């Protein structure tokens, strides 16, 4: 748990958040396949197809 409280991890979180925003992601979980977003774990079967 202490490892998650480092400034390096805080910076990584900010980078990942900013990258997600640039890609148009919002909410969680979201999976993007071939540019198409699939929201929620209930859509994982569609992702497989």
PDB file of N, CA and C in Angstrom:
ATOM      1  N   UNK A   1       0.820  -1.181   0.000  1.00  0.00           N
ATOM      2  CA  UNK A   1       0.000   0.000   0.000  1.00  0.00           C
ATOM      3  C   UNK A   1       0.872   1.256   0.000  1.00  0.00           C
ATOM      4  N   UNK A   2       1.973   1.218   0.729  1.00  0.00           N
ATOM      5  CA  UNK A   2       2.843   2.390   0.804  1.00  0.00           C
ATOM      6  C   UNK A   2       3.407   2.746  -0.569  1.00  0.00           C
ATOM      7  N   UNK A   3       3.632   1.733  -1.412  1.00  0.00           N
ATOM      8  CA  UNK A   3       4.173   1.987  -2.741  1.00  0.00           C
ATOM      9  C   UNK A   3       3.228   2.816  -3.600  1.00  0.00           C
ATOM     10  N   UNK A   4       1.943   2.738  -3.334  1.00  0.00           N
ATOM     11  CA  UNK A   4       0.978   3.508  -4.120  1.00  0.00           C
ATOM     12  C   UNK A   4       0.945   4.975  -3.719  1.00  0.00           C
ATOM     13  N   UNK A   5       1.577   5.320  -2.626  1.00  0.00           N
ATOM     14  CA  UNK A   5       1.546   6.688  -2.127  1.00  0.00           C
ATOM     15  C   UNK A   5       2.779   7.499  -2.516  1.00  0.00           C
ATOM     16  N   UNK A   6       3.560   7.027  -3.432  1.00  0.00           N
ATOM     17  CA  UNK A   6       4.775   7.731  -3.834  1.00  0.00           C
ATOM     18  C   UNK A   6       4.456   8.798  -4.883  1.00  0.00           C
ATOM     19  N   UNK A   7       5.332   9.762  -5.013  1.00  0.00           N
ATOM     20  CA  UNK A   7       5.132  10.808  -6.013  1.00  0.00           C
ATOM     21  C   UNK A   7       5.211  10.224  -7.426  1.00  0.00           C
ATOM     22  N   UNK A   8       5.998   9.161  -7.601  1.00  0.00           N
ATOM     23  CA  UNK A   8       6.083   8.520  -8.915  1.00  0.00           C
ATOM     24  C   UNK A   8       4.748   7.898  -9.307  1.00  0.00           C
ATOM     25  N   UNK A   9       4.104   7.244  -8.350  1.00  0.00           N
ATOM     26  CA  UNK A   9       2.810   6.631  -8.640  1.00  0.00           C
ATOM     27  C   UNK A   9       1.745   7.694  -8.863  1.00  0.00           C
ATOM     28  N   UNK A  10       1.815   8.770  -8.132  1.00  0.00           N
ATOM     29  CA  UNK A  10       0.864   9.866  -8.321  1.00  0.00           C
ATOM     30  C   UNK A  10       1.005  10.442  -9.729  1.00  0.00           C
ATOM     31  N   UNK A  11       2.236  10.619 -10.175  1.00  0.00           N
ATOM     32  CA  UNK A  11       2.484  11.133 -11.519  1.00  0.00           C
ATOM     33  C   UNK A  11       1.996  10.151 -12.576  1.00  0.00           C
ATOM     34  N   UNK A  12       2.227   8.863 -12.358  1.00  0.00           N
ATOM     35  CA  UNK A  12       1.755   7.834 -13.307  1.00  0.00           C
ATOM     36  C   UNK A  12       0.240   7.852 -13.412  1.00  0.00           C
ATOM     37  N   UNK A  13      -0.436   7.995 -12.287  1.00  0.00           N
ATOM     38  CA  UNK A  13      -1.896   8.062 -12.282  1.00  0.00           C
ATOM     39  C   UNK A  13      -2.373   9.262 -13.098  1.00  0.00           C
ATOM     40  N   UNK A  14      -1.745  10.400 -12.917  1.00  0.00           N
ATOM     41  CA  UNK A  14      -2.120  11.597 -13.678  1.00  0.00           C
ATOM     42  C   UNK A  14      -1.910  11.376 -15.175  1.00  0.00           C
ATOM     43  N   UNK A  15      -0.801  10.748 -15.541  1.00  0.00           N
ATOM     44  CA  UNK A  15      -0.520  10.482 -16.954  1.00  0.00           C
ATOM     45  C   UNK A  15      -1.567   9.548 -17.558  1.00  0.00           C
ATOM     46  N   UNK A  16      -1.906   8.493 -16.830  1.00  0.00           N
ATOM     47  CA  UNK A  16      -2.901   7.534 -17.316  1.00  0.00           C
ATOM     48  C   UNK A  16      -4.276   8.188 -17.435  1.00  0.00           C
ATOM     49  N   UNK A  17      -4.634   9.000 -16.445  1.00  0.00           N
ATOM     50  CA  UNK A  17      -5.915   9.708 -16.479  1.00  0.00           C
ATOM     51  C   UNK A  17      -5.976  10.633 -17.683  1.00  0.00           C
ATOM     52  N   UNK A  18      -4.916  11.412 -17.899  1.00  0.00           N
ATOM     53  CA  UNK A  18      -4.892  12.350 -19.012  1.00  0.00           C
ATOM     54  C   UNK A  18      -4.960  11.624 -20.354  1.00  0.00           C
ATOM     55  N   UNK A  19      -4.276  10.497 -20.465  1.00  0.00           N
ATOM     56  CA  UNK A  19      -4.319   9.706 -21.701  1.00  0.00           C
ATOM     57  C   UNK A  19      -5.727   9.182 -21.950  1.00  0.00           C
ATOM     58  N   UNK A  20      -6.397   8.732 -20.908  1.00  0.00           N
ATOM     59  CA  UNK A  20      -7.770   8.232 -21.041  1.00  0.00           C
ATOM     60  C   UNK A  20      -8.709   9.347 -21.495  1.00  0.00           C
ATOM     61  N   UNK A  21      -8.550  10.524 -20.937  1.00  0.00           N
ATOM     62  CA  UNK A  21      -9.394  11.658 -21.316  1.00  0.00           C
ATOM     63  C   UNK A  21      -9.172  12.021 -22.781  1.00  0.00           C
ATOM     64  N   UNK A  22      -7.922  12.021 -23.217  1.00  0.00           N
ATOM     65  CA  UNK A  22      -7.624  12.332 -24.616  1.00  0.00           C
ATOM     66  C   UNK A  22      -8.269  11.330 -25.573  1.00  0.00           C
ATOM     67  N   UNK A  23      -8.407  10.098 -25.127  1.00  0.00           N
ATOM     68  CA  UNK A  23      -9.014   9.058 -25.965  1.00  0.00           C
ATOM     69  C   UNK A  23     -10.536   9.056 -25.867  1.00  0.00           C
ATOM     70  N   UNK A  24     -11.099   9.953 -25.065  1.00  0.00           N
ATOM     71  CA  UNK A  24     -12.549  10.039 -24.946  1.00  0.00           C
ATOM     72  C   UNK A  24     -13.152   9.064 -23.961  1.00  0.00           C
ATOM     73  N   UNK A  25     -12.335   8.498 -23.123  1.00  0.00           N
ATOM     74  CA  UNK A  25     -12.852   7.554 -22.131  1.00  0.00           C
ATOM     75  C   UNK A  25     -13.475   8.297 -20.965  1.00  0.00           C
ATOM     76  N   UNK A  26     -14.514   7.727 -20.438  1.00  0.00           N
ATOM     77  CA  UNK A  26     -15.095   8.226 -19.198  1.00  0.00           C
ATOM     78  C   UNK A  26     -15.759   7.053 -18.514  1.00  0.00           C
ATOM     79  N   UNK A  27     -15.816   7.097 -17.225  1.00  0.00           N
ATOM     80  CA  UNK A  27     -16.386   5.985 -16.486  1.00  0.00           C
ATOM     81  C   UNK A  27     -15.435   4.805 -16.442  1.00  0.00           C
ATOM     82  N   UNK A  28     -15.885   3.781 -15.790  1.00  0.00           N
ATOM     83  CA  UNK A  28     -15.042   2.628 -15.631  1.00  0.00           C
ATOM     84  C   UNK A  28     -15.923   1.413 -15.368  1.00  0.00           C
ATOM     85  N   UNK A  29     -15.614   0.258 -15.831  1.00  0.00           N
ATOM     86  CA  UNK A  29     -14.528  -0.034 -16.750  1.00  0.00           C
ATOM     87  C   UNK A  29     -14.937   0.249 -18.189  1.00  0.00           C
ATOM     88  N   UNK A  30     -13.980   0.566 -18.999  1.00  0.00           N
ATOM     89  CA  UNK A  30     -14.195   0.726 -20.432  1.00  0.00           C
ATOM     90  C   UNK A  30     -13.037   0.038 -21.142  1.00  0.00           C
ATOM     91  N   UNK A  31     -13.381  -0.663 -22.216  1.00  0.00           N
ATOM     92  CA  UNK A  31     -12.384  -1.325 -23.043  1.00  0.00           C
ATOM     93  C   UNK A  31     -12.546  -0.788 -24.452  1.00  0.00           C
ATOM     94  N   UNK A  32     -11.443  -0.454 -25.109  1.00  0.00           N
ATOM     95  CA  UNK A  32     -11.521   0.043 -26.478  1.00  0.00           C
ATOM     96  C   UNK A  32     -10.873  -0.980 -27.387  1.00  0.00           C
ATOM     97  N   UNK A  33     -11.632  -1.437 -28.384  1.00  0.00           N
ATOM     98  CA  UNK A  33     -11.152  -2.420 -29.348  1.00  0.00           C
ATOM     99  C   UNK A  33     -11.340  -1.830 -30.736  1.00  0.00           C
ATOM    100  N   UNK A  34     -10.259  -1.717 -31.475  1.00  0.00           N
ATOM    101  CA  UNK A  34     -10.300  -1.154 -32.828  1.00  0.00           C
ATOM    102  C   UNK A  34     -11.020   0.195 -32.851  1.00  0.00           C
ATOM    103  N   UNK A  35     -10.780   0.998 -31.817  1.00  0.00           N
ATOM    104  CA  UNK A  35     -11.358   2.329 -31.746  1.00  0.00           C
ATOM    105  C   UNK A  35     -12.782   2.392 -31.249  1.00  0.00           C
ATOM    106  N   UNK A  36     -13.399   1.251 -30.969  1.00  0.00           N
ATOM    107  CA  UNK A  36     -14.780   1.224 -30.499  1.00  0.00           C
ATOM    108  C   UNK A  36     -14.813   0.968 -28.993  1.00  0.00           C
ATOM    109  N   UNK A  37     -15.462   1.872 -28.227  1.00  0.00           N
ATOM    110  CA  UNK A  37     -15.519   1.681 -26.779  1.00  0.00           C
ATOM    111  C   UNK A  37     -16.623   0.707 -26.372  1.00  0.00           C
ATOM    112  N   UNK A  38     -16.321  -0.092 -25.373  1.00  0.00           N
ATOM    113  CA  UNK A  38     -17.286  -1.003 -24.755  1.00  0.00           C
ATOM    114  C   UNK A  38     -17.298  -0.703 -23.267  1.00  0.00           C
ATOM    115  N   UNK A  39     -18.448  -0.245 -22.753  1.00  0.00           N
ATOM    116  CA  UNK A  39     -18.541   0.106 -21.347  1.00  0.00           C
ATOM    117  C   UNK A  39     -19.119  -1.039 -20.539  1.00  0.00           C
ATOM    118  N   UNK A  40     -18.589  -1.255 -19.397  1.00  0.00           N
ATOM    119  CA  UNK A  40     -19.005  -2.196 -18.353  1.00  0.00           C
ATOM    120  C   UNK A  40     -18.534  -3.617 -18.641  1.00  0.00           C
ATOM    121  N   UNK A  41     -18.410  -4.354 -17.578  1.00  0.00           N
ATOM    122  CA  UNK A  41     -17.962  -5.748 -17.672  1.00  0.00           C
ATOM    123  C   UNK A  41     -18.991  -6.604 -18.414  1.00  0.00           C
ATOM    124  N   UNK A  42     -20.236  -6.170 -18.444  1.00  0.00           N
ATOM    125  CA  UNK A  42     -21.270  -6.939 -19.139  1.00  0.00           C
ATOM    126  C   UNK A  42     -21.043  -6.994 -20.638  1.00  0.00           C
ATOM    127  N   UNK A  43     -20.205  -6.105 -21.161  1.00  0.00           N
ATOM    128  CA  UNK A  43     -19.949  -6.049 -22.606  1.00  0.00           C
ATOM    129  C   UNK A  43     -18.740  -6.886 -23.020  1.00  0.00           C
ATOM    130  N   UNK A  44     -18.102  -7.556 -22.091  1.00  0.00           N
ATOM    131  CA  UNK A  44     -16.899  -8.315 -22.433  1.00  0.00           C
ATOM    132  C   UNK A  44     -17.159  -9.397 -23.465  1.00  0.00           C
ATOM    133  N   UNK A  45     -18.358  -9.961 -23.482  1.00  0.00           N
ATOM    134  CA  UNK A  45     -18.674 -10.968 -24.498  1.00  0.00           C
ATOM    135  C   UNK A  45     -18.651 -10.340 -25.889  1.00  0.00           C
ATOM    136  N   UNK A  46     -19.111  -9.080 -26.003  1.00  0.00           N
ATOM    137  CA  UNK A  46     -19.059  -8.385 -27.281  1.00  0.00           C
ATOM    138  C   UNK A  46     -17.616  -8.103 -27.688  1.00  0.00           C
ATOM    139  N   UNK A  47     -16.778  -7.807 -26.721  1.00  0.00           N
ATOM    140  CA  UNK A  47     -15.369  -7.551 -26.996  1.00  0.00           C
ATOM    141  C   UNK A  47     -14.737  -8.799 -27.601  1.00  0.00           C
ATOM    142  N   UNK A  48     -15.072  -9.969 -27.064  1.00  0.00           N
ATOM    143  CA  UNK A  48     -14.510 -11.221 -27.592  1.00  0.00           C
ATOM    144  C   UNK A  48     -14.878 -11.437 -29.052  1.00  0.00           C
ATOM    145  N   UNK A  49     -16.104 -11.078 -29.424  1.00  0.00           N
ATOM    146  CA  UNK A  49     -16.566 -11.264 -30.816  1.00  0.00           C
ATOM    147  C   UNK A  49     -15.828 -10.327 -31.716  1.00  0.00           C
TER     148      UNK A  49
END
